[in-house]
PDB file of N, CA and C in Angstrom:
ATOM      1  N   MET A   1      27.865  23.488  68.005  1.00  0.00           N
ATOM      2  CA  MET A   1      27.359  22.179  68.279  1.00  0.00           C
ATOM      3  C   MET A   1      26.598  21.598  67.108  1.00  0.00           C
ATOM      4  N   ALA A   2      25.926  22.506  66.371  1.00  0.00           N
ATOM      5  CA  ALA A   2      25.179  22.039  65.216  1.00  0.00           C
ATOM      6  C   ALA A   2      26.129  21.494  64.180  1.00  0.00           C
ATOM      7  N   GLY A   3      27.309  22.108  64.044  1.00  0.00           N
ATOM      8  CA  GLY A   3      28.295  21.637  63.086  1.00  0.00           C
ATOM      9  C   GLY A   3      28.823  20.278  63.472  1.00  0.00           C
ATOM     10  N   LYS A   4      28.970  20.046  64.772  1.00  0.00           N
ATOM     11  CA  LYS A   4      29.462  18.753  65.248  1.00  0.00           C
ATOM     12  C   LYS A   4      28.462  17.642  64.974  1.00  0.00           C
ATOM     13  N   ASN A   5      27.150  17.940  65.139  1.00  0.00           N
ATOM     14  CA  ASN A   5      26.109  16.944  64.886  1.00  0.00           C
ATOM     15  C   ASN A   5      26.041  16.607  63.393  1.00  0.00           C
ATOM     16  N   GLN A   6      26.204  17.622  62.547  1.00  0.00           N
ATOM     17  CA  GLN A   6      26.171  17.361  61.110  1.00  0.00           C
ATOM     18  C   GLN A   6      27.374  16.526  60.705  1.00  0.00           C
ATOM     19  N   HIS A   7      28.502  16.803  61.274  1.00  0.00           N
ATOM     20  CA  HIS A   7      29.707  16.051  60.965  1.00  0.00           C
ATOM     21  C   HIS A   7      29.578  14.607  61.419  1.00  0.00           C
ATOM     22  N   GLN A   8      28.972  14.418  62.590  1.00  0.00           N
ATOM     23  CA  GLN A   8      28.791  13.083  63.123  1.00  0.00           C
ATOM     24  C   GLN A   8      27.759  12.313  62.306  1.00  0.00           C
ATOM     25  N   SER A   9      26.690  12.982  61.838  1.00  0.00           N
ATOM     26  CA  SER A   9      25.659  12.277  61.073  1.00  0.00           C
ATOM     27  C   SER A   9      26.145  11.952  59.674  1.00  0.00           C
ATOM     28  N   SER A  10      27.050  12.734  59.097  1.00  0.00           N
ATOM     29  CA  SER A  10      27.541  12.436  57.767  1.00  0.00           C
ATOM     30  C   SER A  10      28.626  11.378  57.804  1.00  0.00           C
ATOM     31  N   ALA A  11      29.281  11.224  58.927  1.00  0.00           N
ATOM     32  CA  ALA A  11      30.324  10.214  59.036  1.00  0.00           C
ATOM     33  C   ALA A  11      29.770   8.809  58.889  1.00  0.00           C
ATOM     34  N   PRO A  12      28.705   8.469  59.613  1.00  0.00           N
ATOM     35  CA  PRO A  12      28.165   7.120  59.418  1.00  0.00           C
ATOM     36  C   PRO A  12      27.681   6.913  57.981  1.00  0.00           C
ATOM     37  N   HIS A  13      27.134   7.983  57.395  1.00  0.00           N
ATOM     38  CA  HIS A  13      26.663   7.877  56.012  1.00  0.00           C
ATOM     39  C   HIS A  13      27.842   7.590  55.073  1.00  0.00           C
ATOM     40  N   ASN A  14      28.937   8.287  55.281  1.00  0.00           N
ATOM     41  CA  ASN A  14      30.124   8.056  54.467  1.00  0.00           C
ATOM     42  C   ASN A  14      30.652   6.642  54.664  1.00  0.00           C
ATOM     43  N   GLU A  15      30.600   6.176  55.907  1.00  0.00           N
ATOM     44  CA  GLU A  15      31.072   4.821  56.194  1.00  0.00           C
ATOM     45  C   GLU A  15      30.192   3.788  55.493  1.00  0.00           C
ATOM     46  N   ILE A  16      28.884   4.021  55.521  1.00  0.00           N
ATOM     47  CA  ILE A  16      27.950   3.087  54.875  1.00  0.00           C
ATOM     48  C   ILE A  16      28.188   3.087  53.360  1.00  0.00           C
ATOM     49  N   SER A  17      28.400   4.274  52.787  1.00  0.00           N
ATOM     50  CA  SER A  17      28.674   4.362  51.346  1.00  0.00           C
ATOM     51  C   SER A  17      29.960   3.641  51.007  1.00  0.00           C
ATOM     52  N   THR A  18      30.942   3.800  51.848  1.00  0.00           N
ATOM     53  CA  THR A  18      32.221   3.132  51.621  1.00  0.00           C
ATOM     54  C   THR A  18      32.055   1.632  51.700  1.00  0.00           C
ATOM     55  N   ILE A  19      31.321   1.156  52.704  1.00  0.00           N
ATOM     56  CA  ILE A  19      31.089  -0.293  52.856  1.00  0.00           C
ATOM     57  C   ILE A  19      30.289  -0.821  51.667  1.00  0.00           C
ATOM     58  N   ARG A  20      29.248  -0.063  51.278  1.00  0.00           N
ATOM     59  CA  ARG A  20      28.417  -0.481  50.140  1.00  0.00           C
ATOM     60  C   ARG A  20      29.273  -0.545  48.868  1.00  0.00           C
ATOM     61  N   SER A  21      30.094   0.447  48.645  1.00  0.00           N
ATOM     62  CA  SER A  21      30.956   0.462  47.472  1.00  0.00           C
ATOM     63  C   SER A  21      31.916  -0.712  47.508  1.00  0.00           C
ATOM     64  N   PHE A  22      32.424  -1.003  48.684  1.00  0.00           N
ATOM     65  CA  PHE A  22      33.367  -2.112  48.822  1.00  0.00           C
ATOM     66  C   PHE A  22      32.678  -3.442  48.550  1.00  0.00           C
ATOM     67  N   LEU A  23      31.477  -3.616  49.110  1.00  0.00           N
ATOM     68  CA  LEU A  23      30.761  -4.880  48.952  1.00  0.00           C
ATOM     69  C   LEU A  23      30.092  -5.006  47.570  1.00  0.00           C
ATOM     70  N   MET A  24      29.487  -3.941  47.107  1.00  0.00           N
ATOM     71  CA  MET A  24      28.679  -4.014  45.901  1.00  0.00           C
ATOM     72  C   MET A  24      29.358  -3.375  44.680  1.00  0.00           C
ATOM     73  N   GLY A  25      30.523  -2.806  44.833  1.00  0.00           N
ATOM     74  CA  GLY A  25      31.188  -2.090  43.757  1.00  0.00           C
ATOM     75  C   GLY A  25      31.374  -2.913  42.512  1.00  0.00           C
ATOM     76  N   GLU A  26      31.857  -4.128  42.676  1.00  0.00           N
ATOM     77  CA  GLU A  26      32.075  -5.008  41.524  1.00  0.00           C
ATOM     78  C   GLU A  26      30.765  -5.349  40.834  1.00  0.00           C
ATOM     79  N   GLN A  27      29.735  -5.654  41.651  1.00  0.00           N
ATOM     80  CA  GLN A  27      28.424  -5.965  41.075  1.00  0.00           C
ATOM     81  C   GLN A  27      27.847  -4.759  40.351  1.00  0.00           C
ATOM     82  N   MET A  28      27.979  -3.588  40.970  1.00  0.00           N
ATOM     83  CA  MET A  28      27.439  -2.379  40.358  1.00  0.00           C
ATOM     84  C   MET A  28      28.146  -2.095  39.026  1.00  0.00           C
ATOM     85  N   ALA A  29      29.449  -2.299  39.007  1.00  0.00           N
ATOM     86  CA  ALA A  29      30.195  -2.108  37.769  1.00  0.00           C
ATOM     87  C   ALA A  29      29.724  -3.116  36.732  1.00  0.00           C
ATOM     88  N   GLY A  30      29.471  -4.351  37.158  1.00  0.00           N
ATOM     89  CA  GLY A  30      28.958  -5.383  36.250  1.00  0.00           C
ATOM     90  C   GLY A  30      27.590  -5.008  35.716  1.00  0.00           C
ATOM     91  N   TYR A  31      26.721  -4.498  36.615  1.00  0.00           N
ATOM     92  CA  TYR A  31      25.393  -4.068  36.188  1.00  0.00           C
ATOM     93  C   TYR A  31      25.499  -2.910  35.199  1.00  0.00           C
ATOM     94  N   ALA A  32      26.362  -1.965  35.498  1.00  0.00           N
ATOM     95  CA  ALA A  32      26.527  -0.814  34.608  1.00  0.00           C
ATOM     96  C   ALA A  32      27.008  -1.268  33.239  1.00  0.00           C
ATOM     97  N   GLU A  33      27.950  -2.189  33.233  1.00  0.00           N
ATOM     98  CA  GLU A  33      28.462  -2.714  31.959  1.00  0.00           C
ATOM     99  C   GLU A  33      27.375  -3.465  31.211  1.00  0.00           C
ATOM    100  N   HIS A  34      26.606  -4.269  31.961  1.00  0.00           N
ATOM    101  CA  HIS A  34      25.518  -5.041  31.357  1.00  0.00           C
ATOM    102  C   HIS A  34      24.453  -4.103  30.772  1.00  0.00           C
ATOM    103  N   PHE A  35      24.078  -3.076  31.521  1.00  0.00           N
ATOM    104  CA  PHE A  35      23.080  -2.124  31.031  1.00  0.00           C
ATOM    105  C   PHE A  35      23.600  -1.351  29.821  1.00  0.00           C
ATOM    106  N   ALA A  36      24.859  -1.000  29.818  1.00  0.00           N
ATOM    107  CA  ALA A  36      25.441  -0.307  28.665  1.00  0.00           C
ATOM    108  C   ALA A  36      25.396  -1.205  27.434  1.00  0.00           C
ATOM    109  N   LYS A  37      25.698  -2.496  27.638  1.00  0.00           N
ATOM    110  CA  LYS A  37      25.652  -3.454  26.529  1.00  0.00           C
ATOM    111  C   LYS A  37      24.221  -3.599  26.014  1.00  0.00           C
ATOM    112  N   LEU A  38      23.261  -3.703  26.939  1.00  0.00           N
ATOM    113  CA  LEU A  38      21.859  -3.811  26.535  1.00  0.00           C
ATOM    114  C   LEU A  38      21.397  -2.557  25.782  1.00  0.00           C
ATOM    115  N   GLU A  39      21.847  -1.407  26.244  1.00  0.00           N
ATOM    116  CA  GLU A  39      21.484  -0.158  25.585  1.00  0.00           C
ATOM    117  C   GLU A  39      22.024  -0.116  24.158  1.00  0.00           C
ATOM    118  N   LYS A  40      23.266  -0.594  23.967  1.00  0.00           N
ATOM    119  CA  LYS A  40      23.832  -0.647  22.610  1.00  0.00           C
ATOM    120  C   LYS A  40      23.035  -1.600  21.728  1.00  0.00           C
ATOM    121  N   GLU A  41      22.662  -2.752  22.281  1.00  0.00           N
ATOM    122  CA  GLU A  41      21.883  -3.730  21.513  1.00  0.00           C
ATOM    123  C   GLU A  41      20.517  -3.160  21.144  1.00  0.00           C
ATOM    124  N   ILE A  42      19.897  -2.494  22.101  1.00  0.00           N
ATOM    125  CA  ILE A  42      18.580  -1.897  21.827  1.00  0.00           C
ATOM    126  C   ILE A  42      18.700  -0.838  20.737  1.00  0.00           C
ATOM    127  N   THR A  43      19.724  -0.014  20.826  1.00  0.00           N
ATOM    128  CA  THR A  43      19.936   1.019  19.807  1.00  0.00           C
ATOM    129  C   THR A  43      20.198   0.389  18.443  1.00  0.00           C
ATOM    130  N   ALA A  44      21.007  -0.663  18.432  1.00  0.00           N
ATOM    131  CA  ALA A  44      21.302  -1.348  17.163  1.00  0.00           C
ATOM    132  C   ALA A  44      20.027  -1.961  16.590  1.00  0.00           C
ATOM    133  N   ASN A  45      19.222  -2.606  17.453  1.00  0.00           N
ATOM    134  CA  ASN A  45      17.970  -3.213  16.997  1.00  0.00           C
ATOM    135  C   ASN A  45      16.994  -2.144  16.508  1.00  0.00           C
ATOM    136  N   LYS A  46      16.956  -1.028  17.222  1.00  0.00           N
ATOM    137  CA  LYS A  46      16.078   0.071  16.812  1.00  0.00           C
ATOM    138  C   LYS A  46      16.479   0.565  15.423  1.00  0.00           C
ATOM    139  N   ASP A  47      17.771   0.764  15.205  1.00  0.00           N
ATOM    140  CA  ASP A  47      18.249   1.204  13.893  1.00  0.00           C
ATOM    141  C   ASP A  47      17.935   0.171  12.816  1.00  0.00           C
ATOM    142  N   TYR A  48      18.186  -1.095  13.142  1.00  0.00           N
ATOM    143  CA  TYR A  48      17.938  -2.181  12.178  1.00  0.00           C
ATOM    144  C   TYR A  48      16.457  -2.219  11.785  1.00  0.00           C
ATOM    145  N   PHE A  49      15.578  -2.222  12.796  1.00  0.00           N
ATOM    146  CA  PHE A  49      14.154  -2.326  12.496  1.00  0.00           C
ATOM    147  C   PHE A  49      13.624  -1.050  11.839  1.00  0.00           C
ATOM    148  N   SER A  50      14.202   0.070  12.173  1.00  0.00           N
ATOM    149  CA  SER A  50      13.815   1.307  11.501  1.00  0.00           C
ATOM    150  C   SER A  50      14.175   1.232  10.023  1.00  0.00           C
ATOM    151  N   ASN A  51      15.364   0.739   9.715  1.00  0.00           N
ATOM    152  CA  ASN A  51      15.778   0.575   8.316  1.00  0.00           C
ATOM    153  C   ASN A  51      14.912  -0.454   7.603  1.00  0.00           C
ATOM    154  N   GLU A  52      14.626  -1.561   8.295  1.00  0.00           N
ATOM    155  CA  GLU A  52      13.772  -2.602   7.695  1.00  0.00           C
ATOM    156  C   GLU A  52      12.377  -2.049   7.398  1.00  0.00           C
ATOM    157  N   LEU A  53      11.828  -1.308   8.347  1.00  0.00           N
ATOM    158  CA  LEU A  53      10.505  -0.741   8.162  1.00  0.00           C
ATOM    159  C   LEU A  53      10.497   0.245   6.995  1.00  0.00           C
ATOM    160  N   SER A  54      11.522   1.051   6.912  1.00  0.00           N
ATOM    161  CA  SER A  54      11.631   1.996   5.805  1.00  0.00           C
ATOM    162  C   SER A  54      11.735   1.259   4.474  1.00  0.00           C
ATOM    163  N   SER A  55      12.542   0.200   4.454  1.00  0.00           N
ATOM    164  CA  SER A  55      12.703  -0.598   3.237  1.00  0.00           C
ATOM    165  C   SER A  55      11.374  -1.243   2.837  1.00  0.00           C
ATOM    166  N   LEU A  56      10.664  -1.802   3.812  1.00  0.00           N
ATOM    167  CA  LEU A  56       9.368  -2.411   3.514  1.00  0.00           C
ATOM    168  C   LEU A  56       8.372  -1.366   3.011  1.00  0.00           C
ATOM    169  N   GLY A  57       8.450  -0.170   3.565  1.00  0.00           N
ATOM    170  CA  GLY A  57       7.573   0.904   3.092  1.00  0.00           C
ATOM    171  C   GLY A  57       7.851   1.233   1.640  1.00  0.00           C
ATOM    172  N   HIS A  58       9.136   1.321   1.283  1.00  0.00           N
ATOM    173  CA  HIS A  58       9.493   1.608  -0.116  1.00  0.00           C
ATOM    174  C   HIS A  58       9.062   0.470  -1.035  1.00  0.00           C
ATOM    175  N   GLN A  59       9.259  -0.767  -0.584  1.00  0.00           N
ATOM    176  CA  GLN A  59       8.852  -1.911  -1.396  1.00  0.00           C
ATOM    177  C   GLN A  59       7.339  -1.920  -1.594  1.00  0.00           C
ATOM    178  N   THR A  60       6.611  -1.619  -0.530  1.00  0.00           N
ATOM    179  CA  THR A  60       5.154  -1.595  -0.624  1.00  0.00           C
ATOM    180  C   THR A  60       4.695  -0.493  -1.573  1.00  0.00           C
ATOM    181  N   ASP A  61       5.313   0.676  -1.466  1.00  0.00           N
ATOM    182  CA  ASP A  61       4.970   1.769  -2.384  1.00  0.00           C
ATOM    183  C   ASP A  61       5.232   1.367  -3.834  1.00  0.00           C
ATOM    184  N   ALA A  62       6.369   0.712  -4.071  1.00  0.00           N
ATOM    185  CA  ALA A  62       6.708   0.282  -5.434  1.00  0.00           C
ATOM    186  C   ALA A  62       5.693  -0.739  -5.934  1.00  0.00           C
ATOM    187  N   ARG A  63       5.306  -1.673  -5.078  1.00  0.00           N
ATOM    188  CA  ARG A  63       4.313  -2.683  -5.480  1.00  0.00           C
ATOM    189  C   ARG A  63       2.973  -2.038  -5.790  1.00  0.00           C
ATOM    190  N   ILE A  64       2.569  -1.099  -4.969  1.00  0.00           N
ATOM    191  CA  ILE A  64       1.292  -0.422  -5.206  1.00  0.00           C
ATOM    192  C   ILE A  64       1.338   0.336  -6.528  1.00  0.00           C
ATOM    193  N   GLN A  65       2.450   0.992  -6.802  1.00  0.00           N
ATOM    194  CA  GLN A  65       2.580   1.719  -8.071  1.00  0.00           C
ATOM    195  C   GLN A  65       2.517   0.765  -9.252  1.00  0.00           C
ATOM    196  N   ARG A  66       3.192  -0.411  -9.129  1.00  0.00           N
ATOM    197  CA  ARG A  66       3.126  -1.394 -10.211  1.00  0.00           C
ATOM    198  C   ARG A  66       1.694  -1.906 -10.392  1.00  0.00           C
ATOM    199  N   LEU A  67       1.003  -2.163  -9.275  1.00  0.00           N
ATOM    200  CA  LEU A  67      -0.380  -2.631  -9.366  1.00  0.00           C
ATOM    201  C   LEU A  67      -1.284  -1.571  -9.998  1.00  0.00           C
ATOM    202  N   GLU A  68      -1.091  -0.315  -9.611  1.00  0.00           N
ATOM    203  CA  GLU A  68      -1.882   0.755 -10.206  1.00  0.00           C
ATOM    204  C   GLU A  68      -1.630   0.844 -11.707  1.00  0.00           C
ATOM    205  N   LYS A  69      -0.366   0.756 -12.096  1.00  0.00           N
ATOM    206  CA  LYS A  69      -0.020   0.817 -13.520  1.00  0.00           C
ATOM    207  C   LYS A  69      -0.648  -0.364 -14.265  1.00  0.00           C
ATOM    208  N   ASP A  70      -0.540  -1.558 -13.690  1.00  0.00           N
ATOM    209  CA  ASP A  70      -1.106  -2.758 -14.303  1.00  0.00           C
ATOM    210  C   ASP A  70      -2.625  -2.627 -14.430  1.00  0.00           C
ATOM    211  N   MET A  71      -3.276  -2.156 -13.368  1.00  0.00           N
ATOM    212  CA  MET A  71      -4.735  -2.015 -13.413  1.00  0.00           C
ATOM    213  C   MET A  71      -5.142  -0.974 -14.451  1.00  0.00           C
ATOM    214  N   ASN A  72      -4.406   0.139 -14.525  1.00  0.00           N
ATOM    215  CA  ASN A  72      -4.724   1.159 -15.526  1.00  0.00           C
ATOM    216  C   ASN A  72      -4.571   0.614 -16.942  1.00  0.00           C
ATOM    217  N   GLU A  73      -3.499  -0.157 -17.160  1.00  0.00           N
ATOM    218  CA  GLU A  73      -3.303  -0.757 -18.479  1.00  0.00           C
ATOM    219  C   GLU A  73      -4.425  -1.730 -18.809  1.00  0.00           C
ATOM    220  N   ARG A  74      -4.825  -2.520 -17.826  1.00  0.00           N
ATOM    221  CA  ARG A  74      -5.922  -3.483 -18.056  1.00  0.00           C
ATOM    222  C   ARG A  74      -7.238  -2.757 -18.337  1.00  0.00           C
ATOM    223  N   PHE A  75      -7.513  -1.711 -17.564  1.00  0.00           N
ATOM    224  CA  PHE A  75      -8.741  -0.952 -17.803  1.00  0.00           C
ATOM    225  C   PHE A  75      -8.710  -0.293 -19.174  1.00  0.00           C
ATOM    226  N   ASP A  76      -7.558   0.205 -19.569  1.00  0.00           N
ATOM    227  CA  ASP A  76      -7.437   0.813 -20.900  1.00  0.00           C
ATOM    228  C   ASP A  76      -7.696  -0.217 -21.996  1.00  0.00           C
ATOM    229  N   ARG A  77      -7.112  -1.415 -21.842  1.00  0.00           N
ATOM    230  CA  ARG A  77      -7.346  -2.470 -22.842  1.00  0.00           C
ATOM    231  C   ARG A  77      -8.810  -2.885 -22.859  1.00  0.00           C
ATOM    232  N   LEU A  78      -9.397  -3.009 -21.682  1.00  0.00           N
ATOM    233  CA  LEU A  78     -10.809  -3.394 -21.605  1.00  0.00           C
ATOM    234  C   LEU A  78     -11.691  -2.326 -22.235  1.00  0.00           C
ATOM    235  N   GLU A  79     -11.377  -1.068 -21.955  1.00  0.00           N
ATOM    236  CA  GLU A  79     -12.131   0.021 -22.547  1.00  0.00           C
ATOM    237  C   GLU A  79     -12.014   0.003 -24.073  1.00  0.00           C
ATOM    238  N   GLN A  80     -10.817  -0.255 -24.588  1.00  0.00           N
ATOM    239  CA  GLN A  80     -10.621  -0.322 -26.037  1.00  0.00           C
ATOM    240  C   GLN A  80     -11.386  -1.501 -26.639  1.00  0.00           C
ATOM    241  N   LEU A  81     -11.358  -2.641 -25.947  1.00  0.00           N
ATOM    242  CA  LEU A  81     -12.127  -3.799 -26.426  1.00  0.00           C
ATOM    243  C   LEU A  81     -13.616  -3.484 -26.480  1.00  0.00           C
ATOM    244  N   LEU A  82     -14.117  -2.817 -25.453  1.00  0.00           N
ATOM    245  CA  LEU A  82     -15.535  -2.460 -25.451  1.00  0.00           C
ATOM    246  C   LEU A  82     -15.866  -1.482 -26.579  1.00  0.00           C
ATOM    247  N   LYS A  83     -14.989  -0.496 -26.796  1.00  0.00           N
ATOM    248  CA  LYS A  83     -15.213   0.452 -27.886  1.00  0.00           C
ATOM    249  C   LYS A  83     -15.218  -0.268 -29.229  1.00  0.00           C
ATOM    250  N   ASP A  84     -14.265  -1.175 -29.420  1.00  0.00           N
ATOM    251  CA  ASP A  84     -14.208  -1.933 -30.675  1.00  0.00           C
ATOM    252  C   ASP A  84     -15.465  -2.770 -30.863  1.00  0.00           C
ATOM    253  N   HIS A  85     -15.908  -3.393 -29.796  1.00  0.00           N
ATOM    254  CA  HIS A  85     -17.091  -4.249 -29.877  1.00  0.00           C
ATOM    255  C   HIS A  85     -18.339  -3.404 -30.193  1.00  0.00           C
ATOM    256  N   VAL A  86     -18.469  -2.279 -29.544  1.00  0.00           N
ATOM    257  CA  VAL A  86     -19.602  -1.390 -29.800  1.00  0.00           C
ATOM    258  C   VAL A  86     -19.546  -0.885 -31.245  1.00  0.00           C
ATOM    259  N   ALA A  87     -18.351  -0.554 -31.725  1.00  0.00           N
ATOM    260  CA  ALA A  87     -18.218  -0.083 -33.109  1.00  0.00           C
ATOM    261  C   ALA A  87     -18.633  -1.180 -34.092  1.00  0.00           C
ATOM    262  N   ARG A  88     -18.217  -2.428 -33.818  1.00  0.00           N
ATOM    263  CA  ARG A  88     -18.625  -3.540 -34.693  1.00  0.00           C
ATOM    264  C   ARG A  88     -20.130  -3.744 -34.660  1.00  0.00           C
ATOM    265  N   LEU A  89     -20.717  -3.644 -33.462  1.00  0.00           N
ATOM    266  CA  LEU A  89     -22.174  -3.797 -33.358  1.00  0.00           C
ATOM    267  C   LEU A  89     -22.893  -2.659 -34.087  1.00  0.00           C
ATOM    268  N   ASP A  90     -22.385  -1.440 -33.963  1.00  0.00           N
ATOM    269  CA  ASP A  90     -22.981  -0.310 -34.682  1.00  0.00           C
ATOM    270  C   ASP A  90     -22.905  -0.531 -36.191  1.00  0.00           C
ATOM    271  N   GLN A  91     -21.744  -0.999 -36.665  1.00  0.00           N
ATOM    272  CA  GLN A  91     -21.572  -1.261 -38.096  1.00  0.00           C
ATOM    273  C   GLN A  91     -22.525  -2.363 -38.551  1.00  0.00           C
ATOM    274  N   LYS A  92     -22.632  -3.387 -37.732  1.00  0.00           N
ATOM    275  CA  LYS A  92     -23.527  -4.491 -38.078  1.00  0.00           C
ATOM    276  C   LYS A  92     -24.969  -4.001 -38.117  1.00  0.00           C
ATOM    277  N   LEU A  93     -25.328  -3.156 -37.175  1.00  0.00           N
ATOM    278  CA  LEU A  93     -26.679  -2.605 -37.131  1.00  0.00           C
ATOM    279  C   LEU A  93     -26.949  -1.757 -38.368  1.00  0.00           C
ATOM    280  N   LEU A  94     -25.961  -0.970 -38.797  1.00  0.00           N
ATOM    281  CA  LEU A  94     -26.125  -0.166 -40.015  1.00  0.00           C
ATOM    282  C   LEU A  94     -26.276  -1.061 -41.235  1.00  0.00           C
ATOM    283  N   GLU A  95     -25.477  -2.135 -41.279  1.00  0.00           N
ATOM    284  CA  GLU A  95     -25.581  -3.059 -42.417  1.00  0.00           C
ATOM    285  C   GLU A  95     -26.944  -3.721 -42.442  1.00  0.00           C
ATOM    286  N   VAL A  96     -27.395  -4.162 -41.277  1.00  0.00           N
ATOM    287  CA  VAL A  96     -28.710  -4.813 -41.204  1.00  0.00           C
ATOM    288  C   VAL A  96     -29.796  -3.815 -41.584  1.00  0.00           C
ATOM    289  N   THR A  97     -29.686  -2.603 -41.110  1.00  0.00           N
ATOM    290  CA  THR A  97     -30.682  -1.580 -41.413  1.00  0.00           C
ATOM    291  C   THR A  97     -30.702  -1.281 -42.912  1.00  0.00           C
ATOM    292  N   THR A  98     -29.518  -1.164 -43.514  1.00  0.00           N
ATOM    293  CA  THR A  98     -29.442  -0.903 -44.955  1.00  0.00           C
ATOM    294  C   THR A  98     -30.029  -2.083 -45.728  1.00  0.00           C
ATOM    295  N   THR A  99     -29.679  -3.285 -45.359  1.00  0.00           N
ATOM    296  CA  THR A  99     -30.210  -4.478 -46.022  1.00  0.00           C
ATOM    297  C   THR A  99     -31.723  -4.555 -45.851  1.00  0.00           C
ATOM    298  N   ASP A 100     -32.181  -4.261 -44.619  1.00  0.00           N
ATOM    299  CA  ASP A 100     -33.626  -4.290 -44.378  1.00  0.00           C
ATOM    300  C   ASP A 100     -34.350  -3.254 -45.228  1.00  0.00           C
ATOM    301  N   LYS A 101     -33.751  -2.069 -45.365  1.00  0.00           N
ATOM    302  CA  LYS A 101     -34.362  -1.022 -46.183  1.00  0.00           C
ATOM    303  C   LYS A 101     -34.451  -1.481 -47.639  1.00  0.00           C
ATOM    304  N   GLN A 102     -33.360  -2.111 -48.116  1.00  0.00           N
ATOM    305  CA  GLN A 102     -33.362  -2.583 -49.500  1.00  0.00           C
ATOM    306  C   GLN A 102     -34.404  -3.685 -49.682  1.00  0.00           C
ATOM    307  N   ASN A 103     -34.441  -4.604 -48.731  1.00  0.00           N
ATOM    308  CA  ASN A 103     -35.427  -5.692 -48.812  1.00  0.00           C
ATOM    309  C   ASN A 103     -36.849  -5.154 -48.741  1.00  0.00           C
ATOM    310  N   LEU A 104     -37.084  -4.201 -47.853  1.00  0.00           N
ATOM    311  CA  LEU A 104     -38.412  -3.607 -47.731  1.00  0.00           C
ATOM    312  C   LEU A 104     -38.789  -2.858 -49.017  1.00  0.00           C
ATOM    313  N   GLY A 105     -37.811  -2.156 -49.583  1.00  0.00           N
ATOM    314  CA  GLY A 105     -38.064  -1.455 -50.850  1.00  0.00           C
ATOM    315  C   GLY A 105     -38.423  -2.430 -51.953  1.00  0.00           C
ATOM    316  N   GLN A 106     -37.713  -3.541 -52.043  1.00  0.00           N
ATOM    317  CA  GLN A 106     -38.018  -4.546 -53.058  1.00  0.00           C
ATOM    318  C   GLN A 106     -39.395  -5.145 -52.830  1.00  0.00           C
ATOM    319  N   MET A 107     -39.715  -5.441 -51.582  1.00  0.00           N
ATOM    320  CA  MET A 107     -41.035  -6.022 -51.296  1.00  0.00           C
ATOM    321  C   MET A 107     -42.151  -5.034 -51.658  1.00  0.00           C
ATOM    322  N   LEU A 108     -41.949  -3.763 -51.334  1.00  0.00           N
ATOM    323  CA  LEU A 108     -42.963  -2.770 -51.668  1.00  0.00           C
ATOM    324  C   LEU A 108     -43.089  -2.613 -53.186  1.00  0.00           C
ATOM    325  N   ALA A 109     -41.941  -2.677 -53.874  1.00  0.00           N
ATOM    326  CA  ALA A 109     -41.987  -2.583 -55.340  1.00  0.00           C
ATOM    327  C   ALA A 109     -42.732  -3.774 -55.910  1.00  0.00           C
ATOM    328  N   GLU A 110     -42.445  -4.951 -55.400  1.00  0.00           N
ATOM    329  CA  GLU A 110     -43.138  -6.154 -55.878  1.00  0.00           C
ATOM    330  C   GLU A 110     -44.620  -6.097 -55.555  1.00  0.00           C
ATOM    331  N   LEU A 111     -44.926  -5.618 -54.349  1.00  0.00           N
ATOM    332  CA  LEU A 111     -46.330  -5.500 -53.952  1.00  0.00           C
ATOM    333  C   LEU A 111     -47.042  -4.481 -54.838  1.00  0.00           C
ATOM    334  N   SER A 112     -46.342  -3.393 -55.105  1.00  0.00           N
ATOM    335  CA  SER A 112     -46.909  -2.361 -55.975  1.00  0.00           C
ATOM    336  C   SER A 112     -47.153  -2.939 -57.378  1.00  0.00           C
ATOM    337  N   SER A 113     -46.183  -3.694 -57.871  1.00  0.00           N
ATOM    338  CA  SER A 113     -46.346  -4.309 -59.204  1.00  0.00           C
ATOM    339  C   SER A 113     -47.520  -5.265 -59.206  1.00  0.00           C
ATOM    340  N   LYS A 114     -47.655  -6.055 -58.199  1.00  0.00           N
ATOM    341  CA  LYS A 114     -48.773  -7.003 -58.128  1.00  0.00           C
ATOM    342  C   LYS A 114     -50.104  -6.269 -58.065  1.00  0.00           C
ATOM    343  N   LEU A 115     -50.131  -5.194 -57.281  1.00  0.00           N
ATOM    344  CA  LEU A 115     -51.386  -4.427 -57.162  1.00  0.00           C
ATOM    345  C   LEU A 115     -51.740  -3.785 -58.495  1.00  0.00           C
ATOM    346  N   ILE A 116     -50.726  -3.288 -59.181  1.00  0.00           N
ATOM    347  CA  ILE A 116     -50.981  -2.665 -60.481  1.00  0.00           C
ATOM    348  C   ILE A 116     -51.451  -3.707 -61.467  1.00  0.00           C
ATOM    349  N   GLN A 117     -50.903  -4.866 -61.476  1.00  0.00           N
ATOM    350  CA  GLN A 117     -51.295  -5.926 -62.389  1.00  0.00           C
ATOM    351  C   GLN A 117     -52.672  -6.447 -62.067  1.00  0.00           C
ATOM    352  N   GLN A 118     -53.059  -6.443 -60.842  1.00  0.00           N
ATOM    353  CA  GLN A 118     -54.387  -6.922 -60.460  1.00  0.00           C
ATOM    354  C   GLN A 118     -55.460  -5.942 -60.911  1.00  0.00           C
ATOM    355  N   ASP A 119     -55.160  -4.689 -60.930  1.00  0.00           N
ATOM    356  CA  ASP A 119     -56.133  -3.692 -61.358  1.00  0.00           C
ATOM    357  C   ASP A 119     -56.330  -3.711 -62.863  1.00  0.00           C
ATOM    358  N   LYS A 120     -55.483  -4.233 -63.615  1.00  0.00           N
ATOM    359  CA  LYS A 120     -55.592  -4.230 -65.056  1.00  0.00           C
ATOM    360  C   LYS A 120     -56.436  -5.326 -65.550  1.00  0.00           C
TER     361      LYS A 120
END
């Protein structure tokens, strides 16, 4: 009897599935096709944007490397300009110091001569 009840309960279920398939089969096939199409588009977009993102990453890395190179070159030139300027100032300071020493020596010699002449 239990087998008969199971057979009877599955029969209406089979009938309902058959009716549902008959009524909704075309729509379900349309939905399945539509979802498959959407899945392909999503996959294509995912691949496209993944490639774009990778490309932008490479471009950004290249730009950063160019900027780093440019900044290093500028800092090197600036450093060289500062070294040159300091060297010129040092040379000028040595020249002024040498000239001042010579001038001071002459003044002391003249002062010494005047003092010697005054004592005579």
